[in-house]
Amino acid sequence: MAGSGSGPVNLNRYRKEKARAGKKVRADQNAVTFGRTKAEKELDKARNVQDVRRLENHKRDE
């Protein structure tokens, strides 16, 4: 049985490493999906306010 393996495998370590890798993948996906800088959020907010004002100014008086 010479050369049949590298020795015993710690299954707890393997399980924890696999769980960490899964969490890392999910964190990276969330960073892409939800991660925006403060400046980007403020710019979106300003554009929304501007759009609302523009619509209010173009309403017809009855």
C-alpha atoms as a PDB file:
ATOM      1  CA  MET A   1       0.000   0.000   0.000  1.00  0.00           C
ATOM      2  CA  ALA A   2       2.892   2.352  -0.593  1.00  0.00           C
ATOM      3  CA  GLY A   3       1.809   5.713  -2.023  1.00  0.00           C
ATOM      4  CA  SER A   4      -1.922   5.106  -1.504  1.00  0.00           C
ATOM      5  CA  GLY A   5      -2.675   8.520   0.015  1.00  0.00           C
ATOM      6  CA  SER A   6      -1.391  11.533   1.870  1.00  0.00           C
ATOM      7  CA  GLY A   7      -2.632  10.495   5.300  1.00  0.00           C
ATOM      8  CA  PRO A   8      -5.808  11.086   7.264  1.00  0.00           C
ATOM      9  CA  VAL A   9      -8.152  13.858   6.210  1.00  0.00           C
ATOM     10  CA  ASN A  10      -9.742  16.169   8.750  1.00  0.00           C
ATOM     11  CA  LEU A  11     -13.385  16.248   7.610  1.00  0.00           C
ATOM     12  CA  ASN A  12     -14.322  19.135   9.922  1.00  0.00           C
ATOM     13  CA  ARG A  13     -11.653  21.332   8.344  1.00  0.00           C
ATOM     14  CA  TYR A  14     -12.850  20.350   4.863  1.00  0.00           C
ATOM     15  CA  ARG A  15     -16.479  21.114   5.771  1.00  0.00           C
ATOM     16  CA  LYS A  16     -15.586  24.515   7.256  1.00  0.00           C
ATOM     17  CA  GLU A  17     -13.412  25.490   4.290  1.00  0.00           C
ATOM     18  CA  LYS A  18     -16.238  24.575   1.916  1.00  0.00           C
ATOM     19  CA  ALA A  19     -18.695  26.673   3.962  1.00  0.00           C
ATOM     20  CA  ARG A  20     -16.286  29.645   3.959  1.00  0.00           C
ATOM     21  CA  ALA A  21     -15.871  29.397   0.203  1.00  0.00           C
ATOM     22  CA  GLY A  22     -19.655  29.392  -0.252  1.00  0.00           C
ATOM     23  CA  LYS A  23     -20.045  32.451   1.958  1.00  0.00           C
ATOM     24  CA  LYS A  24     -17.299  34.248   0.040  1.00  0.00           C
ATOM     25  CA  VAL A  25     -19.059  33.601  -3.269  1.00  0.00           C
ATOM     26  CA  ARG A  26     -22.350  34.888  -1.859  1.00  0.00           C
ATOM     27  CA  ALA A  27     -20.660  37.974  -0.398  1.00  0.00           C
ATOM     28  CA  ASP A  28     -19.080  38.760  -3.763  1.00  0.00           C
ATOM     29  CA  GLN A  29     -22.449  38.430  -5.501  1.00  0.00           C
ATOM     30  CA  ASN A  30     -24.081  40.731  -2.945  1.00  0.00           C
ATOM     31  CA  ALA A  31     -21.306  43.280  -3.361  1.00  0.00           C
ATOM     32  CA  VAL A  32     -22.006  43.394  -7.083  1.00  0.00           C
ATOM     33  CA  THR A  33     -25.783  43.497  -6.635  1.00  0.00           C
ATOM     34  CA  PHE A  34     -26.148  45.904  -3.720  1.00  0.00           C
ATOM     35  CA  GLY A  35     -22.777  47.579  -3.422  1.00  0.00           C
ATOM     36  CA  ARG A  36     -22.982  51.199  -4.393  1.00  0.00           C
ATOM     37  CA  THR A  37     -20.933  54.070  -3.108  1.00  0.00           C
ATOM     38  CA  LYS A  38     -22.455  56.863  -1.080  1.00  0.00           C
ATOM     39  CA  ALA A  39     -21.936  59.235  -4.010  1.00  0.00           C
ATOM     40  CA  GLU A  40     -23.871  56.936  -6.340  1.00  0.00           C
ATOM     41  CA  LYS A  41     -26.758  56.705  -3.870  1.00  0.00           C
ATOM     42  CA  GLU A  42     -26.873  60.496  -3.457  1.00  0.00           C
ATOM     43  CA  LEU A  43     -26.780  60.990  -7.224  1.00  0.00           C
ATOM     44  CA  ASP A  44     -29.745  58.629  -7.685  1.00  0.00           C
ATOM     45  CA  LYS A  45     -31.647  60.414  -4.931  1.00  0.00           C
ATOM     46  CA  ALA A  46     -30.989  63.823  -6.509  1.00  0.00           C
ATOM     47  CA  ARG A  47     -32.098  62.566  -9.917  1.00  0.00           C
ATOM     48  CA  ASN A  48     -35.316  61.164  -8.442  1.00  0.00           C
ATOM     49  CA  VAL A  49     -36.098  64.473  -6.753  1.00  0.00           C
ATOM     50  CA  GLN A  50     -35.399  66.291 -10.006  1.00  0.00           C
ATOM     51  CA  ASP A  51     -37.698  63.944 -11.926  1.00  0.00           C
ATOM     52  CA  VAL A  52     -40.527  64.481  -9.425  1.00  0.00           C
ATOM     53  CA  ARG A  53     -40.143  68.270  -9.688  1.00  0.00           C
ATOM     54  CA  ARG A  54     -40.133  68.110 -13.471  1.00  0.00           C
ATOM     55  CA  LEU A  55     -43.367  66.086 -13.477  1.00  0.00           C
ATOM     56  CA  GLU A  56     -45.033  68.427 -10.983  1.00  0.00           C
ATOM     57  CA  ASN A  57     -44.140  71.437 -13.144  1.00  0.00           C
ATOM     58  CA  HIS A  58     -45.689  69.892 -16.231  1.00  0.00           C
ATOM     59  CA  LYS A  59     -49.066  69.049 -14.728  1.00  0.00           C
ATOM     60  CA  ARG A  60     -52.061  70.809 -16.175  1.00  0.00           C
ATOM     61  CA  ASP A  61     -54.128  73.181 -14.100  1.00  0.00           C
ATOM     62  CA  GLU A  62     -57.811  72.407 -14.079  1.00  0.00           C
END
